PDB file of N, CA and C in Angstrom:
ATOM      1  N   MET A   1       2.634   9.770  -6.922  1.00  0.00           N
ATOM      2  CA  MET A   1       2.013   9.411  -5.668  1.00  0.00           C
ATOM      3  C   MET A   1       3.101   9.105  -4.649  1.00  0.00           C
ATOM      4  N   LYS A   2       2.896   9.541  -3.424  1.00  0.00           N
ATOM      5  CA  LYS A   2       3.825   9.234  -2.335  1.00  0.00           C
ATOM      6  C   LYS A   2       3.383   7.926  -1.681  1.00  0.00           C
ATOM      7  N   ILE A   3       4.277   6.941  -1.698  1.00  0.00           N
ATOM      8  CA  ILE A   3       3.960   5.577  -1.254  1.00  0.00           C
ATOM      9  C   ILE A   3       4.925   5.145  -0.161  1.00  0.00           C
ATOM     10  N   LYS A   4       4.399   4.361   0.788  1.00  0.00           N
ATOM     11  CA  LYS A   4       5.251   3.671   1.750  1.00  0.00           C
ATOM     12  C   LYS A   4       4.970   2.184   1.608  1.00  0.00           C
ATOM     13  N   LEU A   5       6.035   1.400   1.430  1.00  0.00           N
ATOM     14  CA  LEU A   5       5.925  -0.048   1.331  1.00  0.00           C
ATOM     15  C   LEU A   5       6.159  -0.672   2.699  1.00  0.00           C
ATOM     16  N   ASP A   6       5.238  -1.504   3.106  1.00  0.00           N
ATOM     17  CA  ASP A   6       5.392  -2.223   4.365  1.00  0.00           C
ATOM     18  C   ASP A   6       6.513  -3.250   4.226  1.00  0.00           C
ATOM     19  N   GLU A   7       7.005  -3.709   5.362  1.00  0.00           N
ATOM     20  CA  GLU A   7       8.138  -4.634   5.355  1.00  0.00           C
ATOM     21  C   GLU A   7       7.771  -6.015   4.825  1.00  0.00           C
ATOM     22  N   ASN A   8       6.485  -6.309   4.650  1.00  0.00           N
ATOM     23  CA  ASN A   8       6.080  -7.612   4.144  1.00  0.00           C
ATOM     24  C   ASN A   8       5.992  -7.657   2.616  1.00  0.00           C
ATOM     25  N   LEU A   9       6.550  -6.648   1.973  1.00  0.00           N
ATOM     26  CA  LEU A   9       6.616  -6.609   0.513  1.00  0.00           C
ATOM     27  C   LEU A   9       8.070  -6.609   0.064  1.00  0.00           C
ATOM     28  N   PRO A  10       8.348  -7.162  -1.109  1.00  0.00           N
ATOM     29  CA  PRO A  10       9.734  -7.220  -1.586  1.00  0.00           C
ATOM     30  C   PRO A  10      10.345  -5.829  -1.765  1.00  0.00           C
ATOM     31  N   ALA A  11      11.559  -5.662  -1.327  1.00  0.00           N
ATOM     32  CA  ALA A  11      12.262  -4.379  -1.445  1.00  0.00           C
ATOM     33  C   ALA A  11      12.382  -3.944  -2.903  1.00  0.00           C
ATOM     34  N   ARG A  12      12.505  -4.897  -3.825  1.00  0.00           N
ATOM     35  CA  ARG A  12      12.617  -4.573  -5.257  1.00  0.00           C
ATOM     36  C   ARG A  12      11.400  -3.843  -5.796  1.00  0.00           C
ATOM     37  N   LEU A  13      10.276  -3.991  -5.126  1.00  0.00           N
ATOM     38  CA  LEU A  13       9.060  -3.321  -5.570  1.00  0.00           C
ATOM     39  C   LEU A  13       9.215  -1.801  -5.527  1.00  0.00           C
ATOM     40  N   ALA A  14      10.019  -1.304  -4.622  1.00  0.00           N
ATOM     41  CA  ALA A  14      10.243   0.146  -4.533  1.00  0.00           C
ATOM     42  C   ALA A  14      10.796   0.679  -5.851  1.00  0.00           C
ATOM     43  N   ALA A  15      11.789   0.020  -6.395  1.00  0.00           N
ATOM     44  CA  ALA A  15      12.396   0.465  -7.652  1.00  0.00           C
ATOM     45  C   ALA A  15      11.397   0.380  -8.807  1.00  0.00           C
ATOM     46  N   VAL A  16      10.574  -0.658  -8.808  1.00  0.00           N
ATOM     47  CA  VAL A  16       9.570  -0.822  -9.859  1.00  0.00           C
ATOM     48  C   VAL A  16       8.589   0.353  -9.829  1.00  0.00           C
ATOM     49  N   LEU A  17       8.111   0.691  -8.626  1.00  0.00           N
ATOM     50  CA  LEU A  17       7.163   1.799  -8.499  1.00  0.00           C
ATOM     51  C   LEU A  17       7.826   3.148  -8.789  1.00  0.00           C
ATOM     52  N   GLU A  18       9.073   3.299  -8.404  1.00  0.00           N
ATOM     53  CA  GLU A  18       9.797   4.535  -8.718  1.00  0.00           C
ATOM     54  C   GLU A  18       9.940   4.704 -10.226  1.00  0.00           C
ATOM     55  N   ASN A  19      10.189   3.610 -10.936  1.00  0.00           N
ATOM     56  CA  ASN A  19      10.293   3.662 -12.400  1.00  0.00           C
ATOM     57  C   ASN A  19       8.966   4.050 -13.050  1.00  0.00           C
ATOM     58  N   LEU A  20       7.868   3.857 -12.322  1.00  0.00           N
ATOM     59  CA  LEU A  20       6.556   4.262 -12.817  1.00  0.00           C
ATOM     60  C   LEU A  20       6.221   5.698 -12.408  1.00  0.00           C
ATOM     61  N   GLY A  21       7.185   6.374 -11.753  1.00  0.00           N
ATOM     62  CA  GLY A  21       7.020   7.780 -11.425  1.00  0.00           C
ATOM     63  C   GLY A  21       6.569   8.093 -10.016  1.00  0.00           C
ATOM     64  N   HIS A  22       6.594   7.115  -9.126  1.00  0.00           N
ATOM     65  CA  HIS A  22       6.138   7.331  -7.755  1.00  0.00           C
ATOM     66  C   HIS A  22       7.305   7.610  -6.808  1.00  0.00           C
ATOM     67  N   ASP A  23       7.014   8.311  -5.738  1.00  0.00           N
ATOM     68  CA  ASP A  23       7.965   8.619  -4.671  1.00  0.00           C
ATOM     69  C   ASP A  23       7.766   7.544  -3.599  1.00  0.00           C
ATOM     70  N   VAL A  24       8.731   6.631  -3.459  1.00  0.00           N
ATOM     71  CA  VAL A  24       8.539   5.457  -2.611  1.00  0.00           C
ATOM     72  C   VAL A  24       9.549   5.420  -1.463  1.00  0.00           C
ATOM     73  N   ASP A  25       9.004   5.228  -0.258  1.00  0.00           N
ATOM     74  CA  ASP A  25       9.811   4.953   0.930  1.00  0.00           C
ATOM     75  C   ASP A  25       9.461   3.546   1.395  1.00  0.00           C
ATOM     76  N   THR A  26      10.403   2.903   2.059  1.00  0.00           N
ATOM     77  CA  THR A  26      10.126   1.583   2.613  1.00  0.00           C
ATOM     78  C   THR A  26      10.309   1.614   4.125  1.00  0.00           C
ATOM     79  N   ILE A  27       9.654   0.709   4.779  1.00  0.00           N
ATOM     80  CA  ILE A  27       9.780   0.574   6.233  1.00  0.00           C
ATOM     81  C   ILE A  27      11.239   0.301   6.587  1.00  0.00           C
ATOM     82  N   ALA A  28      11.900  -0.567   5.838  1.00  0.00           N
ATOM     83  CA  ALA A  28      13.295  -0.911   6.118  1.00  0.00           C
ATOM     84  C   ALA A  28      14.214   0.300   5.980  1.00  0.00           C
ATOM     85  N   ASP A  29      14.011   1.097   4.940  1.00  0.00           N
ATOM     86  CA  ASP A  29      14.850   2.272   4.725  1.00  0.00           C
ATOM     87  C   ASP A  29      14.741   3.286   5.859  1.00  0.00           C
ATOM     88  N   GLU A  30      13.618   3.269   6.540  1.00  0.00           N
ATOM     89  CA  GLU A  30      13.387   4.235   7.609  1.00  0.00           C
ATOM     90  C   GLU A  30      13.614   3.642   9.001  1.00  0.00           C
ATOM     91  N   ASN A  31      14.237   2.461   9.042  1.00  0.00           N
ATOM     92  CA  ASN A  31      14.521   1.781  10.314  1.00  0.00           C
ATOM     93  C   ASN A  31      13.261   1.541  11.138  1.00  0.00           C
ATOM     94  N   LEU A  32      12.171   1.215  10.472  1.00  0.00           N
ATOM     95  CA  LEU A  32      10.918   0.905  11.156  1.00  0.00           C
ATOM     96  C   LEU A  32      10.624  -0.593  11.162  1.00  0.00           C
ATOM     97  N   SER A  33      11.546  -1.404  10.628  1.00  0.00           N
ATOM     98  CA  SER A  33      11.335  -2.852  10.611  1.00  0.00           C
ATOM     99  C   SER A  33      11.152  -3.358  12.028  1.00  0.00           C
ATOM    100  N   GLY A  34      10.135  -4.195  12.200  1.00  0.00           N
ATOM    101  CA  GLY A  34       9.871  -4.768  13.508  1.00  0.00           C
ATOM    102  C   GLY A  34       9.096  -3.860  14.451  1.00  0.00           C
ATOM    103  N   LYS A  35       8.826  -2.645  14.032  1.00  0.00           N
ATOM    104  CA  LYS A  35       8.062  -1.704  14.869  1.00  0.00           C
ATOM    105  C   LYS A  35       6.581  -2.087  14.833  1.00  0.00           C
ATOM    106  N   SER A  36       5.834  -1.565  15.771  1.00  0.00           N
ATOM    107  CA  SER A  36       4.402  -1.870  15.846  1.00  0.00           C
ATOM    108  C   SER A  36       3.665  -1.282  14.650  1.00  0.00           C
ATOM    109  N   ASP A  37       2.502  -1.858  14.377  1.00  0.00           N
ATOM    110  CA  ASP A  37       1.662  -1.320  13.305  1.00  0.00           C
ATOM    111  C   ASP A  37       1.321   0.136  13.573  1.00  0.00           C
ATOM    112  N   GLY A  38       1.124   0.486  14.828  1.00  0.00           N
ATOM    113  CA  GLY A  38       0.815   1.865  15.184  1.00  0.00           C
ATOM    114  C   GLY A  38       1.927   2.819  14.802  1.00  0.00           C
ATOM    115  N   GLU A  39       3.170   2.411  15.048  1.00  0.00           N
ATOM    116  CA  GLU A  39       4.312   3.257  14.687  1.00  0.00           C
ATOM    117  C   GLU A  39       4.444   3.375  13.172  1.00  0.00           C
ATOM    118  N   VAL A  40       4.232   2.272  12.485  1.00  0.00           N
ATOM    119  CA  VAL A  40       4.278   2.284  11.015  1.00  0.00           C
ATOM    120  C   VAL A  40       3.183   3.204  10.476  1.00  0.00           C
ATOM    121  N   TRP A  41       1.989   3.074  11.023  1.00  0.00           N
ATOM    122  CA  TRP A  41       0.864   3.894  10.577  1.00  0.00           C
ATOM    123  C   TRP A  41       1.127   5.376  10.832  1.00  0.00           C
ATOM    124  N   ASP A  42       1.607   5.683  12.034  1.00  0.00           N
ATOM    125  CA  ASP A  42       1.880   7.088  12.364  1.00  0.00           C
ATOM    126  C   ASP A  42       2.905   7.694  11.413  1.00  0.00           C
ATOM    127  N   ALA A  43       3.970   6.956  11.132  1.00  0.00           N
ATOM    128  CA  ALA A  43       5.001   7.457  10.215  1.00  0.00           C
ATOM    129  C   ALA A  43       4.432   7.647   8.814  1.00  0.00           C
ATOM    130  N   THR A  44       3.611   6.713   8.383  1.00  0.00           N
ATOM    131  CA  THR A  44       3.001   6.796   7.052  1.00  0.00           C
ATOM    132  C   THR A  44       2.118   8.032   6.935  1.00  0.00           C
ATOM    133  N   GLN A  45       1.316   8.271   7.935  1.00  0.00           N
ATOM    134  CA  GLN A  45       0.396   9.409   7.893  1.00  0.00           C
ATOM    135  C   GLN A  45       1.128  10.740   8.057  1.00  0.00           C
ATOM    136  N   GLN A  46       2.141  10.780   8.903  1.00  0.00           N
ATOM    137  CA  GLN A  46       2.908  12.019   9.078  1.00  0.00           C
ATOM    138  C   GLN A  46       3.563  12.445   7.776  1.00  0.00           C
ATOM    139  N   GLU A  47       3.939  11.473   6.969  1.00  0.00           N
ATOM    140  CA  GLU A  47       4.587  11.756   5.688  1.00  0.00           C
ATOM    141  C   GLU A  47       3.566  11.855   4.549  1.00  0.00           C
ATOM    142  N   THR A  48       2.295  11.781   4.863  1.00  0.00           N
ATOM    143  CA  THR A  48       1.191  11.787   3.894  1.00  0.00           C
ATOM    144  C   THR A  48       1.442  10.809   2.745  1.00  0.00           C
ATOM    145  N   ARG A  49       1.702   9.565   3.121  1.00  0.00           N
ATOM    146  CA  ARG A  49       1.977   8.510   2.142  1.00  0.00           C
ATOM    147  C   ARG A  49       0.845   7.492   2.083  1.00  0.00           C
ATOM    148  N   PHE A  50       0.714   6.881   0.937  1.00  0.00           N
ATOM    149  CA  PHE A  50      -0.223   5.796   0.669  1.00  0.00           C
ATOM    150  C   PHE A  50       0.475   4.508   1.058  1.00  0.00           C
ATOM    151  N   LEU A  51      -0.116   3.724   1.957  1.00  0.00           N
ATOM    152  CA  LEU A  51       0.510   2.496   2.454  1.00  0.00           C
ATOM    153  C   LEU A  51       0.137   1.305   1.589  1.00  0.00           C
ATOM    154  N   ILE A  52       1.147   0.545   1.179  1.00  0.00           N
ATOM    155  CA  ILE A  52       0.915  -0.730   0.489  1.00  0.00           C
ATOM    156  C   ILE A  52       1.401  -1.822   1.429  1.00  0.00           C
ATOM    157  N   THR A  53       0.520  -2.799   1.721  1.00  0.00           N
ATOM    158  CA  THR A  53       0.816  -3.818   2.711  1.00  0.00           C
ATOM    159  C   THR A  53       0.093  -5.119   2.392  1.00  0.00           C
ATOM    160  N   GLN A  54       0.512  -6.184   3.066  1.00  0.00           N
ATOM    161  CA  GLN A  54      -0.225  -7.450   3.073  1.00  0.00           C
ATOM    162  C   GLN A  54      -0.795  -7.715   4.464  1.00  0.00           C
ATOM    163  N   ASP A  55      -0.539  -6.825   5.389  1.00  0.00           N
ATOM    164  CA  ASP A  55      -0.879  -6.998   6.794  1.00  0.00           C
ATOM    165  C   ASP A  55      -2.380  -6.814   7.023  1.00  0.00           C
ATOM    166  N   LEU A  56      -3.052  -7.885   7.421  1.00  0.00           N
ATOM    167  CA  LEU A  56      -4.490  -7.826   7.644  1.00  0.00           C
ATOM    168  C   LEU A  56      -4.879  -6.916   8.813  1.00  0.00           C
ATOM    169  N   ASP A  57      -3.918  -6.554   9.650  1.00  0.00           N
ATOM    170  CA  ASP A  57      -4.224  -5.617  10.731  1.00  0.00           C
ATOM    171  C   ASP A  57      -4.681  -4.270  10.179  1.00  0.00           C
ATOM    172  N   PHE A  58      -4.344  -3.979   8.927  1.00  0.00           N
ATOM    173  CA  PHE A  58      -4.763  -2.724   8.303  1.00  0.00           C
ATOM    174  C   PHE A  58      -6.063  -2.873   7.499  1.00  0.00           C
ATOM    175  N   SER A  59      -6.721  -4.020   7.617  1.00  0.00           N
ATOM    176  CA  SER A  59      -7.911  -4.279   6.800  1.00  0.00           C
ATOM    177  C   SER A  59      -9.223  -3.861   7.453  1.00  0.00           C
ATOM    178  N   ASP A  60      -9.201  -3.418   8.670  1.00  0.00           N
ATOM    179  CA  ASP A  60     -10.420  -3.033   9.378  1.00  0.00           C
ATOM    180  C   ASP A  60     -10.865  -1.640   8.927  1.00  0.00           C
ATOM    181  N   VAL A  61     -11.872  -1.597   8.043  1.00  0.00           N
ATOM    182  CA  VAL A  61     -12.314  -0.313   7.500  1.00  0.00           C
ATOM    183  C   VAL A  61     -13.044   0.536   8.540  1.00  0.00           C
ATOM    184  N   ARG A  62     -13.394  -0.031   9.679  1.00  0.00           N
ATOM    185  CA  ARG A  62     -13.950   0.790  10.757  1.00  0.00           C
ATOM    186  C   ARG A  62     -12.825   1.574  11.424  1.00  0.00           C
ATOM    187  N   ARG A  63     -11.698   0.917  11.621  1.00  0.00           N
ATOM    188  CA  ARG A  63     -10.538   1.582  12.233  1.00  0.00           C
ATOM    189  C   ARG A  63      -9.833   2.491  11.229  1.00  0.00           C
ATOM    190  N   PHE A  64      -9.741   2.036   9.995  1.00  0.00           N
ATOM    191  CA  PHE A  64      -9.064   2.783   8.935  1.00  0.00           C
ATOM    192  C   PHE A  64     -10.104   3.213   7.896  1.00  0.00           C
ATOM    193  N   ALA A  65     -11.053   3.968   8.349  1.00  0.00           N
ATOM    194  CA  ALA A  65     -12.180   4.378   7.501  1.00  0.00           C
ATOM    195  C   ALA A  65     -11.705   5.220   6.323  1.00  0.00           C
ATOM    196  N   PRO A  66     -12.169   4.879   5.122  1.00  0.00           N
ATOM    197  CA  PRO A  66     -11.816   5.692   3.958  1.00  0.00           C
ATOM    198  C   PRO A  66     -12.147   7.161   4.209  1.00  0.00           C
ATOM    199  N   GLY A  67     -11.238   8.021   3.791  1.00  0.00           N
ATOM    200  CA  GLY A  67     -11.409   9.452   3.971  1.00  0.00           C
ATOM    201  C   GLY A  67     -10.732   9.997   5.216  1.00  0.00           C
ATOM    202  N   THR A  68     -10.230   9.099   6.080  1.00  0.00           N
ATOM    203  CA  THR A  68      -9.590   9.535   7.322  1.00  0.00           C
ATOM    204  C   THR A  68      -8.072   9.369   7.286  1.00  0.00           C
ATOM    205  N   HIS A  69      -7.549   8.947   6.153  1.00  0.00           N
ATOM    206  CA  HIS A  69      -6.109   8.691   6.023  1.00  0.00           C
ATOM    207  C   HIS A  69      -5.667   8.936   4.588  1.00  0.00           C
ATOM    208  N   CYS A  70      -4.406   8.689   4.328  1.00  0.00           N
ATOM    209  CA  CYS A  70      -3.843   8.956   2.992  1.00  0.00           C
ATOM    210  C   CYS A  70      -4.065   7.820   2.004  1.00  0.00           C
ATOM    211  N   GLY A  71      -4.583   6.691   2.471  1.00  0.00           N
ATOM    212  CA  GLY A  71      -4.880   5.572   1.589  1.00  0.00           C
ATOM    213  C   GLY A  71      -4.107   4.319   1.930  1.00  0.00           C
ATOM    214  N   ILE A  72      -4.741   3.187   1.647  1.00  0.00           N
ATOM    215  CA  ILE A  72      -4.150   1.868   1.908  1.00  0.00           C
ATOM    216  C   ILE A  72      -4.449   0.967   0.720  1.00  0.00           C
ATOM    217  N   LEU A  73      -3.437   0.234   0.284  1.00  0.00           N
ATOM    218  CA  LEU A  73      -3.622  -0.862  -0.669  1.00  0.00           C
ATOM    219  C   LEU A  73      -3.270  -2.141   0.065  1.00  0.00           C
ATOM    220  N   LEU A  74      -4.253  -3.002   0.260  1.00  0.00           N
ATOM    221  CA  LEU A  74      -4.046  -4.306   0.881  1.00  0.00           C
ATOM    222  C   LEU A  74      -3.949  -5.334  -0.234  1.00  0.00           C
ATOM    223  N   VAL A  75      -2.804  -5.995  -0.344  1.00  0.00           N
ATOM    224  CA  VAL A  75      -2.573  -6.976  -1.397  1.00  0.00           C
ATOM    225  C   VAL A  75      -2.834  -8.360  -0.816  1.00  0.00           C
ATOM    226  N   ARG A  76      -3.801  -9.076  -1.411  1.00  0.00           N
ATOM    227  CA  ARG A  76      -4.208 -10.393  -0.925  1.00  0.00           C
ATOM    228  C   ARG A  76      -4.106 -11.400  -2.051  1.00  0.00           C
ATOM    229  N   LEU A  77      -2.946 -12.039  -2.186  1.00  0.00           N
ATOM    230  CA  LEU A  77      -2.741 -13.053  -3.213  1.00  0.00           C
ATOM    231  C   LEU A  77      -2.762 -14.431  -2.568  1.00  0.00           C
ATOM    232  N   HIS A  78      -3.233 -15.434  -3.307  1.00  0.00           N
ATOM    233  CA  HIS A  78      -3.262 -16.807  -2.787  1.00  0.00           C
ATOM    234  C   HIS A  78      -1.859 -17.350  -2.576  1.00  0.00           C
ATOM    235  N   SER A  79      -0.967 -17.043  -3.496  1.00  0.00           N
ATOM    236  CA  SER A  79       0.437 -17.467  -3.401  1.00  0.00           C
ATOM    237  C   SER A  79       1.312 -16.228  -3.506  1.00  0.00           C
ATOM    238  N   PRO A  80       1.515 -15.541  -2.382  1.00  0.00           N
ATOM    239  CA  PRO A  80       2.220 -14.249  -2.428  1.00  0.00           C
ATOM    240  C   PRO A  80       3.745 -14.356  -2.404  1.00  0.00           C
ATOM    241  N   ASP A  81       4.312 -15.056  -3.391  1.00  0.00           N
ATOM    242  CA  ASP A  81       5.772 -15.079  -3.473  1.00  0.00           C
ATOM    243  C   ASP A  81       6.249 -13.726  -3.991  1.00  0.00           C
ATOM    244  N   ARG A  82       7.519 -13.463  -3.851  1.00  0.00           N
ATOM    245  CA  ARG A  82       8.060 -12.141  -4.207  1.00  0.00           C
ATOM    246  C   ARG A  82       7.729 -11.721  -5.632  1.00  0.00           C
ATOM    247  N   GLN A  83       7.939 -12.605  -6.563  1.00  0.00           N
ATOM    248  CA  GLN A  83       7.705 -12.256  -7.963  1.00  0.00           C
ATOM    249  C   GLN A  83       6.239 -11.956  -8.230  1.00  0.00           C
ATOM    250  N   SER A  84       5.346 -12.755  -7.662  1.00  0.00           N
ATOM    251  CA  SER A  84       3.908 -12.519  -7.855  1.00  0.00           C
ATOM    252  C   SER A  84       3.489 -11.178  -7.275  1.00  0.00           C
ATOM    253  N   LEU A  85       4.011 -10.841  -6.106  1.00  0.00           N
ATOM    254  CA  LEU A  85       3.692  -9.561  -5.481  1.00  0.00           C
ATOM    255  C   LEU A  85       4.164  -8.393  -6.340  1.00  0.00           C
ATOM    256  N   ILE A  86       5.394  -8.477  -6.809  1.00  0.00           N
ATOM    257  CA  ILE A  86       5.939  -7.401  -7.648  1.00  0.00           C
ATOM    258  C   ILE A  86       5.121  -7.251  -8.926  1.00  0.00           C
ATOM    259  N   LEU A  87       4.847  -8.367  -9.578  1.00  0.00           N
ATOM    260  CA  LEU A  87       4.098  -8.311 -10.833  1.00  0.00           C
ATOM    261  C   LEU A  87       2.692  -7.756 -10.635  1.00  0.00           C
ATOM    262  N   ARG A  88       2.005  -8.196  -9.577  1.00  0.00           N
ATOM    263  CA  ARG A  88       0.620  -7.752  -9.372  1.00  0.00           C
ATOM    264  C   ARG A  88       0.545  -6.266  -9.011  1.00  0.00           C
ATOM    265  N   VAL A  89       1.395  -5.825  -8.099  1.00  0.00           N
ATOM    266  CA  VAL A  89       1.364  -4.411  -7.719  1.00  0.00           C
ATOM    267  C   VAL A  89       1.778  -3.534  -8.905  1.00  0.00           C
ATOM    268  N   ALA A  90       2.795  -3.944  -9.638  1.00  0.00           N
ATOM    269  CA  ALA A  90       3.211  -3.178 -10.819  1.00  0.00           C
ATOM    270  C   ALA A  90       2.072  -3.107 -11.831  1.00  0.00           C
ATOM    271  N   GLU A  91       1.381  -4.214 -12.043  1.00  0.00           N
ATOM    272  CA  GLU A  91       0.252  -4.251 -12.975  1.00  0.00           C
ATOM    273  C   GLU A  91      -0.842  -3.269 -12.542  1.00  0.00           C
ATOM    274  N   ILE A  92      -1.133  -3.245 -11.265  1.00  0.00           N
ATOM    275  CA  ILE A  92      -2.166  -2.331 -10.754  1.00  0.00           C
ATOM    276  C   ILE A  92      -1.790  -0.880 -11.044  1.00  0.00           C
ATOM    277  N   PHE A  93      -0.554  -0.533 -10.769  1.00  0.00           N
ATOM    278  CA  PHE A  93      -0.141   0.859 -10.945  1.00  0.00           C
ATOM    279  C   PHE A  93       0.082   1.231 -12.405  1.00  0.00           C
ATOM    280  N   LYS A  94       0.255   0.242 -13.273  1.00  0.00           N
ATOM    281  CA  LYS A  94       0.339   0.525 -14.709  1.00  0.00           C
ATOM    282  C   LYS A  94      -1.048   0.671 -15.319  1.00  0.00           C
ATOM    283  N   ASP A  95      -1.982  -0.186 -14.877  1.00  0.00           N
ATOM    284  CA  ASP A  95      -3.304  -0.259 -15.502  1.00  0.00           C
ATOM    285  C   ASP A  95      -4.345   0.673 -14.896  1.00  0.00           C
ATOM    286  N   LYS A  96      -4.159   1.053 -13.653  1.00  0.00           N
ATOM    287  CA  LYS A  96      -5.168   1.859 -12.953  1.00  0.00           C
ATOM    288  C   LYS A  96      -4.628   3.266 -12.715  1.00  0.00           C
ATOM    289  N   ASP A  97      -5.529   4.213 -12.637  1.00  0.00           N
ATOM    290  CA  ASP A  97      -5.140   5.579 -12.290  1.00  0.00           C
ATOM    291  C   ASP A  97      -5.224   5.706 -10.772  1.00  0.00           C
ATOM    292  N   ALA A  98      -4.097   5.503 -10.117  1.00  0.00           N
ATOM    293  CA  ALA A  98      -4.049   5.523  -8.662  1.00  0.00           C
ATOM    294  C   ALA A  98      -4.028   6.938  -8.099  1.00  0.00           C
ATOM    295  N   SER A  99      -3.975   7.925  -8.951  1.00  0.00           N
ATOM    296  CA  SER A  99      -3.861   9.303  -8.471  1.00  0.00           C
ATOM    297  C   SER A  99      -5.073   9.738  -7.646  1.00  0.00           C
ATOM    298  N   ASP A 100      -6.205   9.084  -7.838  1.00  0.00           N
ATOM    299  CA  ASP A 100      -7.392   9.464  -7.061  1.00  0.00           C
ATOM    300  C   ASP A 100      -7.688   8.486  -5.923  1.00  0.00           C
ATOM    301  N   TRP A 101      -6.693   7.719  -5.515  1.00  0.00           N
ATOM    302  CA  TRP A 101      -6.870   6.762  -4.423  1.00  0.00           C
ATOM    303  C   TRP A 101      -6.564   7.355  -3.056  1.00  0.00           C
ATOM    304  N   GLU A 102      -6.205   8.621  -2.997  1.00  0.00           N
ATOM    305  CA  GLU A 102      -5.916   9.230  -1.698  1.00  0.00           C
ATOM    306  C   GLU A 102      -7.143   9.101  -0.813  1.00  0.00           C
ATOM    307  N   GLY A 103      -6.938   8.582   0.380  1.00  0.00           N
ATOM    308  CA  GLY A 103      -8.030   8.403   1.325  1.00  0.00           C
ATOM    309  C   GLY A 103      -8.842   7.142   1.118  1.00  0.00           C
ATOM    310  N   CYS A 104      -8.526   6.365   0.105  1.00  0.00           N
ATOM    311  CA  CYS A 104      -9.290   5.147  -0.196  1.00  0.00           C
ATOM    312  C   CYS A 104      -8.678   3.917   0.462  1.00  0.00           C
ATOM    313  N   PHE A 105      -9.521   2.910   0.610  1.00  0.00           N
ATOM    314  CA  PHE A 105      -9.061   1.587   1.030  1.00  0.00           C
ATOM    315  C   PHE A 105      -9.191   0.705  -0.201  1.00  0.00           C
ATOM    316  N   VAL A 106      -8.067   0.178  -0.668  1.00  0.00           N
ATOM    317  CA  VAL A 106      -8.035  -0.596  -1.911  1.00  0.00           C
ATOM    318  C   VAL A 106      -7.582  -2.016  -1.582  1.00  0.00           C
ATOM    319  N   VAL A 107      -8.299  -2.993  -2.119  1.00  0.00           N
ATOM    320  CA  VAL A 107      -7.931  -4.395  -1.930  1.00  0.00           C
ATOM    321  C   VAL A 107      -7.658  -4.987  -3.304  1.00  0.00           C
ATOM    322  N   ALA A 108      -6.498  -5.617  -3.436  1.00  0.00           N
ATOM    323  CA  ALA A 108      -6.138  -6.235  -4.712  1.00  0.00           C
ATOM    324  C   ALA A 108      -5.937  -7.733  -4.523  1.00  0.00           C
ATOM    325  N   THR A 109      -6.595  -8.490  -5.372  1.00  0.00           N
ATOM    326  CA  THR A 109      -6.389  -9.938  -5.444  1.00  0.00           C
ATOM    327  C   THR A 109      -5.771 -10.229  -6.809  1.00  0.00           C
ATOM    328  N   GLU A 110      -5.633 -11.501  -7.123  1.00  0.00           N
ATOM    329  CA  GLU A 110      -5.075 -11.866  -8.421  1.00  0.00           C
ATOM    330  C   GLU A 110      -5.919 -11.342  -9.574  1.00  0.00           C
ATOM    331  N   ARG A 111      -7.229 -11.309  -9.378  1.00  0.00           N
ATOM    332  CA  ARG A 111      -8.124 -11.005 -10.485  1.00  0.00           C
ATOM    333  C   ARG A 111      -8.721  -9.614 -10.485  1.00  0.00           C
ATOM    334  N   LYS A 112      -8.860  -9.013  -9.318  1.00  0.00           N
ATOM    335  CA  LYS A 112      -9.529  -7.714  -9.330  1.00  0.00           C
ATOM    336  C   LYS A 112      -8.972  -6.766  -8.281  1.00  0.00           C
ATOM    337  N   THR A 113      -9.345  -5.529  -8.466  1.00  0.00           N
ATOM    338  CA  THR A 113      -8.973  -4.456  -7.549  1.00  0.00           C
ATOM    339  C   THR A 113     -10.258  -3.775  -7.111  1.00  0.00           C
ATOM    340  N   ARG A 114     -10.471  -3.745  -5.817  1.00  0.00           N
ATOM    341  CA  ARG A 114     -11.689  -3.132  -5.259  1.00  0.00           C
ATOM    342  C   ARG A 114     -11.294  -1.854  -4.535  1.00  0.00           C
ATOM    343  N   ILE A 115     -11.977  -0.775  -4.856  1.00  0.00           N
ATOM    344  CA  ILE A 115     -11.671   0.536  -4.267  1.00  0.00           C
ATOM    345  C   ILE A 115     -12.864   0.962  -3.410  1.00  0.00           C
ATOM    346  N   ILE A 116     -12.580   1.214  -2.136  1.00  0.00           N
ATOM    347  CA  ILE A 116     -13.623   1.694  -1.221  1.00  0.00           C
ATOM    348  C   ILE A 116     -13.297   3.142  -0.912  1.00  0.00           C
ATOM    349  N   ARG A 117     -14.202   4.013  -1.308  1.00  0.00           N
ATOM    350  CA  ARG A 117     -14.024   5.451  -1.131  1.00  0.00           C
ATOM    351  C   ARG A 117     -14.810   5.920   0.104  1.00  0.00           C
ATOM    352  N   ALA A 118     -14.480   7.104   0.558  1.00  0.00           N
ATOM    353  CA  ALA A 118     -15.212   7.691   1.674  1.00  0.00           C
ATOM    354  C   ALA A 118     -16.666   7.879   1.268  1.00  0.00           C
ATOM    355  N   SER A 119     -17.565   7.598   2.180  1.00  0.00           N
ATOM    356  CA  SER A 119     -18.967   7.820   1.870  1.00  0.00           C
ATOM    357  C   SER A 119     -19.285   9.307   1.913  1.00  0.00           C
ATOM    358  N   SER A 120     -20.138   9.726   1.057  1.00  0.00           N
ATOM    359  CA  SER A 120     -20.447  11.159   0.945  1.00  0.00           C
ATOM    360  C   SER A 120     -21.479  11.586   1.956  1.00  0.00           C
TER     361      SER A 120
END
């Protein structure tokens, strides 16, 4: 899966996801740190990447309707320290088949992962 990590996630997560077989770019690696959400979104979509973020600005499913983009994983942890974020995202990608998440809006908490697909 082609993934882009938002700047609000630990840089070490890129290596973890790469070790699981994913093609990962980060906002920092592409000199997009501090850029607007619109610029981040445009770059993500131009590269046909699945965005992983904690940014609630990407949580509006009316604006980011499933089926209209390459996919979003919104990570919502109560205590989102670096280690917890790395462990939770790694767990999701180890335990779930993310290959069919293209175009989906996915929300992950400590306990569950909710996948919202495009309506038919």
